[in-house]
């Protein structure tokens, strides 16, 4: 037997052609672009699902988990298949098919959510998993093409891995800071799908391989057309919400602000004292009972929505100065352009996070703080904790009042935890709601919904508050003292270190409204 001569590197070089029609720059561009595209799909998927599943920790966790699964499956299968099939034949189909799926995603998800909601999780998983896996397969395929010598393995794998990571970072930053603020979600995905199909065509042209571009182009066009007629459209896509303004057919000046399919605010543009939602009437009752009639206040509002209550204060207490922390600048624009905010005096709306807005306020500078912030179907957890309540107490003066809208259903675990947290921070706490929901009628089953909680360091005039609630025909009652202690029971305190709000808050039907 003749001896084997030559190094392992030369054997690899002899068995694998050096010219694969894919230079280092093209390889880096493919890996960079496909990795960026995976993260664009992941982030935008959260936006698409928020109107139907809520922008909660569970939704985010699910989407991230599916995306990571897609990356793992794509990397594994891409490398395995690249060892069995000519890698040059795989890149074009991977890019093209993923582009077609991405372009179809808006129409498919919105149609499924409206017509077959039981299938939403499955379809949503597939619209992330399929393109994510195909795009993630590009990196091992390209790596296979670039590996011509064992002596270069570390360099090639390390370089392409680094390029892929940079691509993922750019895709994340570009989507979060640029694309979502300037383009509708459907436009982002259809545009990305088109770019992937174009990239597929270029790869085919270079390698003279698979030629499915015409068919995929038709699919992308069909996806774009289907998106225009698919249900679940928005008047405006903001950074955080799918927003619509709906006219009230029974009240000419009435407008409802709908965010992610939920009725968030009702505004009467001609009569700001008209309060449609029951919980807003309850908040107005609490504030009217706590302060002398017509007395101007200095107020801070956590969450803006349609600014119903700041408008009410401006109309009923002339001279009131309200500062509103509304995180969504798109909602602020809707208020100015479509809900008549420009003509409301004394209301200053700032596009900022509520917790950060609180930090900017001087101690003892506010008569009133109103909490009415919601993200999707949940409450921003960082506005519910002992630390947040301590900051609210700091900005209130000696006679100041904190009043907040809470939503919960089922066992009311979140509502009870929030009231317990407030009781840890303020000397006087009361809850307003349906008797069954706040433990005043143990014979009736609690259905849940909106509650209003009020807290201060001065006693609350319970009789005046109840009279104000009765005058507005809310049917709500006020609970305090031993009734609250019994209702909250052993509810946990919410802190910055541990506040599982998404798990405590029970889901509710979108038809329930706020």
Protein backbone atom coordinates (compact mmCIF):
# COMPACT_ATOMS: atom_id res chain seq x y z
CA UNK A 1 0.00 0.00 0.00
CA UNK A 2 1.36 3.36 -0.99
CA UNK A 3 1.92 5.83 1.80
CA UNK A 4 -0.45 8.77 2.10
CA UNK A 5 1.33 12.05 1.54
CA UNK A 6 0.32 15.66 1.92
CA UNK A 7 -1.44 17.50 4.75
CA UNK A 8 -5.10 17.41 5.69
CA UNK A 9 -5.36 20.98 4.46
CA UNK A 10 -4.25 19.99 0.98
CA UNK A 11 -6.73 17.09 0.99
CA UNK A 12 -9.61 19.45 1.74
CA UNK A 13 -8.35 21.83 -0.91
CA UNK A 14 -8.20 19.03 -3.48
CA UNK A 15 -11.64 17.61 -2.66
CA UNK A 16 -13.39 20.98 -2.51
CA UNK A 17 -13.12 23.44 -5.38
CA UNK A 18 -11.78 26.82 -4.35
CA UNK A 19 -13.95 28.87 -6.68
CA UNK A 20 -17.51 28.65 -5.48
CA UNK A 21 -18.68 31.87 -7.07
CA UNK A 22 -18.97 33.44 -3.61
CA UNK A 23 -16.30 35.90 -2.55
CA UNK A 24 -15.66 37.02 1.02
CA UNK A 25 -17.61 40.26 0.60
CA UNK A 26 -20.65 38.51 -0.87
CA UNK A 27 -20.50 35.92 1.91
CA UNK A 28 -20.36 38.59 4.59
CA UNK A 29 -23.23 40.51 2.99
CA UNK A 30 -25.45 37.42 2.86
CA UNK A 31 -24.77 36.49 6.48
CA UNK A 32 -25.18 40.09 7.65
CA UNK A 33 -28.45 40.61 5.77
CA UNK A 34 -30.07 37.31 6.70
CA UNK A 35 -29.20 37.73 10.38
CA UNK A 36 -30.58 41.26 10.40
CA UNK A 37 -33.77 40.07 8.71
CA UNK A 38 -34.42 37.48 11.44
CA UNK A 39 -34.44 40.18 14.11
CA UNK A 40 -36.63 42.49 12.03
CA UNK A 41 -39.20 39.69 11.72
CA UNK A 42 -39.04 38.98 15.46
CA UNK A 43 -39.59 42.58 16.57
CA UNK A 44 -42.30 43.31 14.04
CA UNK A 45 -44.11 40.07 14.95
CA UNK A 46 -44.59 41.51 18.45
CA UNK A 47 -46.26 44.55 16.91
CA UNK A 48 -48.57 42.42 14.80
CA UNK A 49 -49.65 40.23 17.69
CA UNK A 50 -50.13 42.98 20.30
CA UNK A 51 -53.69 43.91 19.19
CA UNK A 52 -54.79 40.30 19.67
CA UNK A 53 -52.62 38.90 22.48
CA UNK A 54 -51.58 42.07 24.26
CA UNK A 55 -48.10 43.49 24.64
CA UNK A 56 -47.33 41.45 27.74
CA UNK A 57 -44.34 39.61 29.13
CA UNK A 58 -45.88 36.33 27.97
CA UNK A 59 -46.30 37.57 24.39
CA UNK A 60 -42.73 38.85 24.27
CA UNK A 61 -41.39 35.63 25.77
CA UNK A 62 -43.32 33.52 23.27
CA UNK A 63 -42.08 35.48 20.25
CA UNK A 64 -38.47 35.48 21.47
CA UNK A 65 -38.68 31.75 22.18
CA UNK A 66 -40.03 30.98 18.71
CA UNK A 67 -37.36 33.16 17.09
CA UNK A 68 -34.59 31.42 19.01
CA UNK A 69 -36.06 28.06 18.05
CA UNK A 70 -36.04 29.14 14.41
CA UNK A 71 -32.39 30.20 14.66
CA UNK A 72 -31.40 26.89 16.27
CA UNK A 73 -33.36 24.74 13.81
CA UNK A 74 -32.18 26.75 10.81
CA UNK A 75 -28.53 26.65 11.84
CA UNK A 76 -28.62 22.91 12.49
CA UNK A 77 -30.54 21.90 9.37
CA UNK A 78 -28.71 24.41 7.17
CA UNK A 79 -25.35 22.95 8.13
CA UNK A 80 -26.57 19.36 7.79
CA UNK A 81 -28.11 19.87 4.35
CA UNK A 82 -25.11 21.88 3.13
CA UNK A 83 -22.98 18.77 3.72
CA UNK A 84 -25.27 16.69 1.51
CA UNK A 85 -26.31 19.07 -1.27
CA UNK A 86 -24.40 21.59 -3.33
CA UNK A 87 -24.59 24.67 -1.07
CA UNK A 88 -24.84 27.00 -4.05
CA UNK A 89 -28.29 25.57 -4.78
CA UNK A 90 -29.60 26.38 -1.30
CA UNK A 91 -29.02 30.10 -0.80
CA UNK A 92 -31.46 31.37 -3.42
CA UNK A 93 -34.43 29.25 -2.25
CA UNK A 94 -33.73 30.09 1.41
CA UNK A 95 -33.83 33.82 0.75
CA UNK A 96 -36.70 33.73 -1.73
CA UNK A 97 -39.11 31.50 0.18
CA UNK A 98 -38.46 33.37 3.43
CA UNK A 99 -39.17 36.64 1.60
CA UNK A 100 -42.49 35.34 0.30
CA UNK A 101 -43.57 34.17 3.77
CA UNK A 102 -42.54 37.47 5.35
CA UNK A 103 -44.54 39.47 2.77
CA UNK A 104 -47.64 37.36 3.39
CA UNK A 105 -47.39 37.58 7.18
CA UNK A 106 -49.43 40.79 7.82
CA UNK A 107 -52.42 39.65 5.78
CA UNK A 108 -52.30 36.06 7.08
CA UNK A 109 -51.98 36.98 10.76
CA UNK A 110 -54.66 39.67 10.73
CA UNK A 111 -57.09 37.51 8.79
CA UNK A 112 -56.49 34.56 11.12
CA UNK A 113 -56.96 36.75 14.21
CA UNK A 114 -60.34 37.99 12.95
CA UNK A 115 -61.75 34.87 11.33
CA UNK A 116 -60.04 31.92 13.05
CA UNK A 117 -58.62 33.18 16.38
CA UNK A 118 -58.16 29.64 17.74
CA UNK A 119 -55.51 29.16 15.06
CA UNK A 120 -53.68 32.41 15.79
CA UNK A 121 -50.89 30.98 17.95
CA UNK A 122 -50.15 28.21 15.44
CA UNK A 123 -50.13 30.53 12.43
CA UNK A 124 -48.11 33.16 14.29
CA UNK A 125 -45.54 30.53 15.25
CA UNK A 126 -45.19 29.40 11.65
CA UNK A 127 -44.83 32.93 10.29
CA UNK A 128 -41.86 33.42 12.62
CA UNK A 129 -40.45 29.90 12.54
CA UNK A 130 -40.39 29.33 8.77
CA UNK A 131 -38.63 32.51 7.61
CA UNK A 132 -36.46 32.55 10.74
CA UNK A 133 -35.20 29.02 10.10
CA UNK A 134 -34.63 29.61 6.38
CA UNK A 135 -32.72 32.82 7.01
CA UNK A 136 -30.69 31.28 9.84
CA UNK A 137 -29.70 28.45 7.50
CA UNK A 138 -27.87 30.94 5.29
CA UNK A 139 -24.94 31.31 7.71
CA UNK A 140 -23.89 27.61 7.82
CA UNK A 141 -24.51 27.32 4.06
CA UNK A 142 -22.28 30.29 3.32
CA UNK A 143 -19.71 29.03 5.83
CA UNK A 144 -19.60 25.71 3.96
CA UNK A 145 -18.92 27.55 0.72
CA UNK A 146 -16.13 29.62 2.22
CA UNK A 147 -14.35 26.75 3.98
CA UNK A 148 -11.71 25.69 1.47
CA UNK A 149 -8.98 24.74 3.92
CA UNK A 150 -8.87 23.40 7.45
CA UNK A 151 -6.15 25.92 8.17
CA UNK A 152 -8.71 28.70 7.71
CA UNK A 153 -11.58 27.14 9.67
CA UNK A 154 -11.29 29.30 12.77
CA UNK A 155 -10.88 32.48 10.76
CA UNK A 156 -13.81 31.82 8.43
CA UNK A 157 -16.22 30.59 11.10
CA UNK A 158 -15.27 33.34 13.54
CA UNK A 159 -15.54 36.09 10.94
CA UNK A 160 -18.91 34.99 9.63
CA UNK A 161 -20.24 34.43 13.15
CA UNK A 162 -19.17 37.95 14.07
CA UNK A 163 -20.71 39.39 10.92
CA UNK A 164 -23.97 37.59 11.67
CA UNK A 165 -24.05 38.98 15.21
CA UNK A 166 -23.42 42.51 13.96
CA UNK A 167 -26.21 42.02 11.42
CA UNK A 168 -28.60 40.97 14.19
CA UNK A 169 -27.66 44.05 16.22
CA UNK A 170 -28.20 46.37 13.25
CA UNK A 171 -31.55 44.71 12.48
CA UNK A 172 -32.67 45.21 16.09
CA UNK A 173 -31.57 48.85 16.36
CA UNK A 174 -32.80 49.79 12.88
CA UNK A 175 -36.24 48.32 13.53
CA UNK A 176 -36.69 49.67 17.05
CA UNK A 177 -35.36 53.18 16.49
CA UNK A 178 -36.09 53.88 12.83
CA UNK A 179 -38.43 51.57 10.93
CA UNK A 180 -41.27 51.22 13.44
CA UNK A 181 -41.41 54.99 14.02
CA UNK A 182 -41.57 55.79 10.30
CA UNK A 183 -43.30 52.93 8.54
CA UNK A 184 -46.41 50.81 9.12
CA UNK A 185 -45.78 47.24 10.22
CA UNK A 186 -47.19 45.84 6.99
CA UNK A 187 -44.91 48.13 4.97
CA UNK A 188 -41.85 46.93 6.89
CA UNK A 189 -42.60 43.26 6.27
CA UNK A 190 -43.63 43.64 2.62
CA UNK A 191 -40.52 45.75 2.00
CA UNK A 192 -38.30 43.18 3.72
CA UNK A 193 -39.94 40.37 1.77
CA UNK A 194 -39.28 42.22 -1.49
CA UNK A 195 -35.61 42.75 -0.60
CA UNK A 196 -35.19 39.06 0.20
CA UNK A 197 -36.72 38.03 -3.12
CA UNK A 198 -34.43 40.49 -4.94
CA UNK A 199 -31.44 39.05 -3.07
CA UNK A 200 -32.59 35.58 -4.09
CA UNK A 201 -32.73 36.65 -7.73
CA UNK A 202 -29.21 38.09 -7.57
CA UNK A 203 -27.85 34.90 -6.03
CA UNK A 204 -29.57 32.85 -8.75
CA UNK A 205 -28.11 35.06 -11.44
CA UNK A 206 -24.61 34.68 -10.00
CA UNK A 207 -24.81 30.92 -9.55
CA UNK A 208 -27.19 30.08 -12.40
CA UNK A 209 -29.11 27.89 -10.03
CA UNK A 210 -32.74 27.60 -8.89
CA UNK A 211 -35.01 30.05 -10.73
CA UNK A 212 -38.17 30.60 -8.73
CA UNK A 213 -38.01 34.39 -8.67
CA UNK A 214 -41.04 35.06 -10.91
CA UNK A 215 -43.32 32.91 -8.77
CA UNK A 216 -42.02 34.42 -5.52
CA UNK A 217 -42.42 37.92 -6.91
CA UNK A 218 -46.08 37.17 -7.56
CA UNK A 219 -46.45 35.94 -3.98
CA UNK A 220 -44.96 39.18 -2.61
CA UNK A 221 -47.30 41.25 -4.77
CA UNK A 222 -50.23 39.13 -3.61
CA UNK A 223 -49.17 39.68 -0.01
CA UNK A 224 -49.14 43.42 -0.53
CA UNK A 225 -52.58 43.43 -2.15
CA UNK A 226 -54.02 41.13 0.51
CA UNK A 227 -52.76 43.42 3.25
CA UNK A 228 -54.84 46.29 1.89
CA UNK A 229 -58.07 44.30 2.28
CA UNK A 230 -57.22 42.20 5.35
CA UNK A 231 -59.22 42.97 8.52
CA UNK A 232 -57.71 44.64 11.55
CA UNK A 233 -56.29 47.70 9.85
CA UNK A 234 -55.39 50.91 11.68
CA UNK A 235 -55.91 54.58 11.07
CA UNK A 236 -52.41 55.06 12.43
CA UNK A 237 -49.61 52.74 13.50
CA UNK A 238 -47.72 54.43 16.31
CA UNK A 239 -44.56 53.25 18.02
CA UNK A 240 -46.61 51.20 20.46
CA UNK A 241 -50.14 50.79 19.12
CA UNK A 242 -52.46 50.11 16.24
CA UNK A 243 -54.66 53.18 16.69
CA UNK A 244 -58.08 54.18 15.39
CA UNK A 245 -60.46 57.02 16.14
CA UNK A 246 -64.10 55.92 15.89
CA UNK A 247 -66.98 58.41 15.67
CA UNK A 248 -69.95 57.82 17.97
CA UNK A 249 -73.04 57.35 15.74
CA UNK A 250 -75.31 58.46 18.62
CA UNK A 251 -73.34 61.56 19.63
CA UNK A 252 -72.03 63.75 16.85
CA UNK A 253 -69.10 65.17 18.82
CA UNK A 254 -68.15 61.87 20.49
CA UNK A 255 -64.98 60.04 19.54
CA UNK A 256 -63.54 56.77 20.86
CA UNK A 257 -59.79 56.19 20.78
CA UNK A 258 -59.17 52.50 20.06
CA UNK A 259 -55.67 51.17 20.74
CA UNK A 260 -54.83 47.62 19.71
CA UNK A 261 -58.52 46.81 19.37
CA UNK A 262 -59.47 48.04 22.87
CA UNK A 263 -61.54 51.13 23.70
CA UNK A 264 -59.10 53.23 25.69
CA UNK A 265 -60.72 56.66 25.79
CA UNK A 266 -63.94 58.43 24.92
CA UNK A 267 -63.77 62.15 24.15
CA UNK A 268 -66.64 64.54 23.55
CA UNK A 269 -64.94 67.27 21.56
CA UNK A 270 -67.72 69.80 22.28
CA UNK A 271 -68.43 68.90 25.91
CA UNK A 272 -65.39 67.78 27.96
CA UNK A 273 -67.60 67.33 31.04
CA UNK A 274 -69.38 64.41 29.36
CA UNK A 275 -67.79 61.21 30.69
CA UNK A 276 -68.79 58.05 28.87
CA UNK A 277 -66.71 55.42 30.63
CA UNK A 278 -67.81 54.42 34.11
CA UNK A 279 -64.33 54.37 35.60
CA UNK A 280 -63.71 57.96 34.44
CA UNK A 281 -66.94 59.03 36.14
CA UNK A 282 -65.66 57.30 39.28
CA UNK A 283 -62.32 59.14 39.12
CA UNK A 284 -64.17 62.43 38.63
CA UNK A 285 -66.38 61.63 41.64
CA UNK A 286 -63.37 60.93 43.84
CA UNK A 287 -61.56 64.13 42.81
CA UNK A 288 -64.68 66.31 43.08
CA UNK A 289 -65.27 65.01 46.61
CA UNK A 290 -61.65 65.50 47.66
CA UNK A 291 -61.20 69.13 46.61
CA UNK A 292 -63.45 72.21 46.86
CA UNK A 293 -65.68 72.74 43.83
CA UNK A 294 -64.05 74.75 41.04
CA UNK A 295 -60.68 75.00 42.80
CA UNK A 296 -57.81 74.87 40.27
CA UNK A 297 -55.35 72.04 40.80
CA UNK A 298 -51.80 71.20 39.86
CA UNK A 299 -52.05 67.67 38.47
CA UNK A 300 -49.82 65.04 36.94
CA UNK A 301 -51.23 62.24 34.81
CA UNK A 302 -49.49 58.90 34.24
CA UNK A 303 -50.79 57.85 30.84
CA UNK A 304 -52.72 60.04 28.47
CA UNK A 305 -54.86 58.13 25.99
CA UNK A 306 -57.51 60.54 24.74
CA UNK A 307 -56.83 62.92 27.68
CA UNK A 308 -60.45 62.69 28.83
CA UNK A 309 -59.77 63.54 32.45
CA UNK A 310 -57.26 66.37 31.87
CA UNK A 311 -59.90 67.94 29.60
CA UNK A 312 -62.51 67.49 32.34
CA UNK A 313 -60.30 69.21 34.92
CA UNK A 314 -59.60 72.09 32.53
CA UNK A 315 -63.35 72.59 31.98
CA UNK A 316 -64.57 72.21 35.57
CA UNK A 317 -61.61 73.78 37.37
CA UNK A 318 -60.41 76.72 35.27
CA UNK A 319 -56.76 77.49 35.87
CA UNK A 320 -55.84 73.85 36.48
CA UNK A 321 -52.38 72.93 35.22
CA UNK A 322 -52.10 69.32 34.05
CA UNK A 323 -48.87 67.70 32.93
CA UNK A 324 -49.38 64.36 31.16
CA UNK A 325 -46.72 61.67 30.71
CA UNK A 326 -47.75 59.71 27.60
CA UNK A 327 -45.10 57.33 26.32
CA UNK A 328 -46.53 57.07 22.80
CA UNK A 329 -45.79 60.18 20.75
CA UNK A 330 -48.15 58.84 18.08
CA UNK A 331 -51.06 59.02 20.53
CA UNK A 332 -50.04 62.59 21.35
CA UNK A 333 -50.23 63.48 17.63
CA UNK A 334 -53.67 61.88 17.36
CA UNK A 335 -54.88 64.02 20.26
CA UNK A 336 -53.61 67.16 18.59
CA UNK A 337 -54.68 66.38 15.04
CA UNK A 338 -57.95 64.50 15.50
CA UNK A 339 -59.21 65.00 19.04
CA UNK A 340 -58.97 68.77 19.41
CA UNK A 341 -56.18 68.99 21.99
CA UNK A 342 -54.81 72.24 20.51
CA UNK A 343 -57.76 74.18 21.91
CA UNK A 344 -57.43 72.86 25.50
CA UNK A 345 -55.71 75.32 27.85
CA UNK A 346 -53.55 74.22 30.74
CA UNK A 347 -52.77 70.73 29.43
CA UNK A 348 -49.10 69.98 28.73
CA UNK A 349 -48.53 66.56 27.17
CA UNK A 350 -45.02 65.13 27.21
CA UNK A 351 -43.95 62.08 25.22
CA UNK A 352 -42.14 60.28 28.02
CA UNK A 353 -42.26 57.25 30.26
CA UNK A 354 -44.43 57.88 33.33
CA UNK A 355 -41.83 56.72 35.84
CA UNK A 356 -39.19 59.00 34.34
CA UNK A 357 -41.69 61.86 34.26
CA UNK A 358 -42.27 61.44 38.00
CA UNK A 359 -38.57 61.74 38.72
CA UNK A 360 -38.46 65.16 37.09
CA UNK A 361 -41.12 66.59 39.40
CA UNK A 362 -40.25 68.54 42.55
CA UNK A 363 -41.23 67.21 45.95
CA UNK A 364 -44.62 68.42 47.18
CA UNK A 365 -45.40 70.05 43.82
CA UNK A 366 -48.69 68.31 42.97
CA UNK A 367 -52.21 68.38 44.38
CA UNK A 368 -53.22 65.35 42.33
CA UNK A 369 -51.60 62.43 40.53
CA UNK A 370 -53.80 60.31 38.26
CA UNK A 371 -52.69 56.84 37.15
CA UNK A 372 -54.26 55.57 33.95
CA UNK A 373 -51.48 53.88 31.97
CA UNK A 374 -51.92 50.62 30.11
CA UNK A 375 -49.84 48.73 27.57
CA UNK A 376 -51.95 46.34 25.53
CA UNK A 377 -54.02 44.42 28.10
CA UNK A 378 -51.65 44.90 31.02
CA UNK A 379 -50.40 47.64 33.32
CA UNK A 380 -46.77 48.75 32.99
CA UNK A 381 -45.33 46.88 35.93
CA UNK A 382 -42.84 49.61 36.88
CA UNK A 383 -45.74 51.96 37.66
CA UNK A 384 -47.21 49.57 40.23
CA UNK A 385 -44.39 49.04 42.74
CA UNK A 386 -43.63 50.31 46.21
CA UNK A 387 -40.80 52.38 44.75
CA UNK A 388 -43.13 53.98 42.18
CA UNK A 389 -45.73 54.69 44.86
CA UNK A 390 -43.02 56.22 47.06
CA UNK A 391 -42.12 58.58 44.23
CA UNK A 392 -45.79 59.50 43.79
CA UNK A 393 -46.06 60.22 47.51
CA UNK A 394 -42.93 62.39 47.23
CA UNK A 395 -44.38 64.67 44.54
CA UNK A 396 -47.75 65.10 46.31
CA UNK A 397 -48.21 67.91 48.80
CA UNK A 398 -49.57 67.30 52.32
CA UNK A 399 -53.18 67.25 51.15
CA UNK A 400 -52.40 65.60 47.81
CA UNK A 401 -54.34 62.68 46.36
CA UNK A 402 -53.34 59.75 44.17
CA UNK A 403 -56.17 58.15 42.19
CA UNK A 404 -55.67 55.34 39.71
CA UNK A 405 -57.61 53.13 37.34
CA UNK A 406 -56.98 49.40 37.80
CA UNK A 407 -58.20 46.52 35.66
CA UNK A 408 -58.38 42.91 36.74
CA UNK A 409 -60.62 39.87 36.50
CA UNK A 410 -60.96 36.40 37.98
CA UNK A 411 -59.40 36.24 41.43
CA UNK A 412 -58.43 39.95 41.25
CA UNK A 413 -54.90 38.98 42.31
CA UNK A 414 -53.25 41.99 40.68
CA UNK A 415 -55.77 44.49 42.03
CA UNK A 416 -55.41 43.12 45.56
CA UNK A 417 -51.61 43.20 45.28
CA UNK A 418 -51.66 46.82 44.08
CA UNK A 419 -53.97 47.92 46.89
CA UNK A 420 -51.73 46.15 49.41
CA UNK A 421 -48.74 47.93 47.88
CA UNK A 422 -50.47 51.29 48.21
CA UNK A 423 -51.37 50.53 51.82
CA UNK A 424 -47.67 50.02 52.48
CA UNK A 425 -46.92 53.52 51.19
CA UNK A 426 -49.89 55.76 52.06
CA UNK A 427 -51.69 56.27 55.37
CA UNK A 428 -55.20 56.26 53.88
CA UNK A 429 -56.30 53.95 51.04
CA UNK A 430 -59.76 53.22 49.62
CA UNK A 431 -61.08 51.24 46.66
CA UNK A 432 -64.11 52.06 44.51
CA UNK A 433 -65.85 49.48 42.36
CA UNK A 434 -68.69 47.06 41.96
CA UNK A 435 -69.55 45.65 45.44
CA UNK A 436 -68.83 42.07 44.36
CA UNK A 437 -65.42 43.03 42.94
CA UNK A 438 -64.14 44.70 46.10
CA UNK A 439 -65.49 42.22 48.66
CA UNK A 440 -68.49 44.21 49.85
CA UNK A 441 -70.99 41.66 48.52
CA UNK A 442 -69.63 38.16 49.22
CA UNK A 443 -72.86 36.55 47.97
CA UNK A 444 -72.30 37.77 44.40
CA UNK A 445 -69.72 36.42 41.99
CA UNK A 446 -66.99 38.84 40.99
CA UNK A 447 -66.82 39.47 37.25
CA UNK A 448 -63.95 41.92 37.45
CA UNK A 449 -63.28 44.91 35.27
CA UNK A 450 -62.31 48.44 36.24
CA UNK A 451 -61.62 49.53 39.80
CA UNK A 452 -60.53 52.93 41.07
CA UNK A 453 -58.10 53.15 43.97
CA UNK A 454 -57.37 56.33 45.91
CA UNK A 455 -54.57 56.99 48.35
CA UNK A 456 -53.43 59.97 50.41
CA UNK A 457 -51.85 60.98 53.67
CA UNK A 458 -55.02 62.73 54.82
CA UNK A 459 -58.37 61.09 55.64
CA UNK A 460 -60.70 60.49 52.71
CA UNK A 461 -64.23 61.90 53.01
CA UNK A 462 -66.05 58.61 52.46
CA UNK A 463 -69.56 60.07 52.66
CA UNK A 464 -68.85 62.82 50.12
CA UNK A 465 -67.16 60.33 47.80
CA UNK A 466 -70.10 57.91 47.95
CA UNK A 467 -72.58 60.74 47.36
CA UNK A 468 -70.61 61.83 44.29
CA UNK A 469 -70.59 58.25 42.98
CA UNK A 470 -74.34 57.94 43.53
CA UNK A 471 -74.99 61.28 41.79
CA UNK A 472 -73.28 59.93 38.67
CA UNK A 473 -75.29 56.70 38.89
CA UNK A 474 -72.25 54.45 38.73
CA UNK A 475 -73.63 51.85 41.12
CA UNK A 476 -70.13 51.63 42.61
CA UNK A 477 -69.34 51.52 46.31
CA UNK A 478 -66.32 52.56 48.34
CA UNK A 479 -64.37 50.21 50.61
CA UNK A 480 -61.76 51.15 53.18
CA UNK A 481 -60.34 50.11 56.55
CA UNK A 482 -61.12 46.56 57.66
CA UNK A 483 -63.00 45.87 54.41
CA UNK A 484 -59.81 46.47 52.41
CA UNK A 485 -57.68 44.50 54.87
CA UNK A 486 -60.04 41.53 54.53
CA UNK A 487 -60.20 41.87 50.73
CA UNK A 488 -56.46 42.10 50.14
CA UNK A 489 -55.71 39.23 52.53
CA UNK A 490 -52.16 37.97 52.10
CA UNK A 491 -51.65 39.68 48.73
CA UNK A 492 -47.98 40.19 47.96
CA UNK A 493 -46.30 43.58 47.78
CA UNK A 494 -45.05 44.65 44.38
CA UNK A 495 -41.48 45.94 44.26
CA UNK A 496 -38.98 46.89 41.58
CA UNK A 497 -37.20 43.65 42.42
CA UNK A 498 -40.30 41.46 42.08
CA UNK A 499 -43.52 42.55 40.39
CA UNK A 500 -45.07 39.71 38.35
CA UNK A 501 -47.93 41.92 37.14
CA UNK A 502 -48.42 40.02 33.88
CA UNK A 503 -48.96 36.79 35.80
CA UNK A 504 -51.20 38.29 38.49
CA UNK A 505 -53.49 40.22 36.16
CA UNK A 506 -56.22 37.97 34.82
CA UNK A 507 -57.10 38.15 31.11
CA UNK A 508 -60.37 39.60 29.99
CA UNK A 509 -62.45 39.82 26.85
CA UNK A 510 -61.54 42.63 24.41
CA UNK A 511 -65.25 43.38 24.25
CA UNK A 512 -65.25 44.45 27.87
CA UNK A 513 -63.59 47.77 27.09
CA UNK A 514 -62.15 50.13 29.64
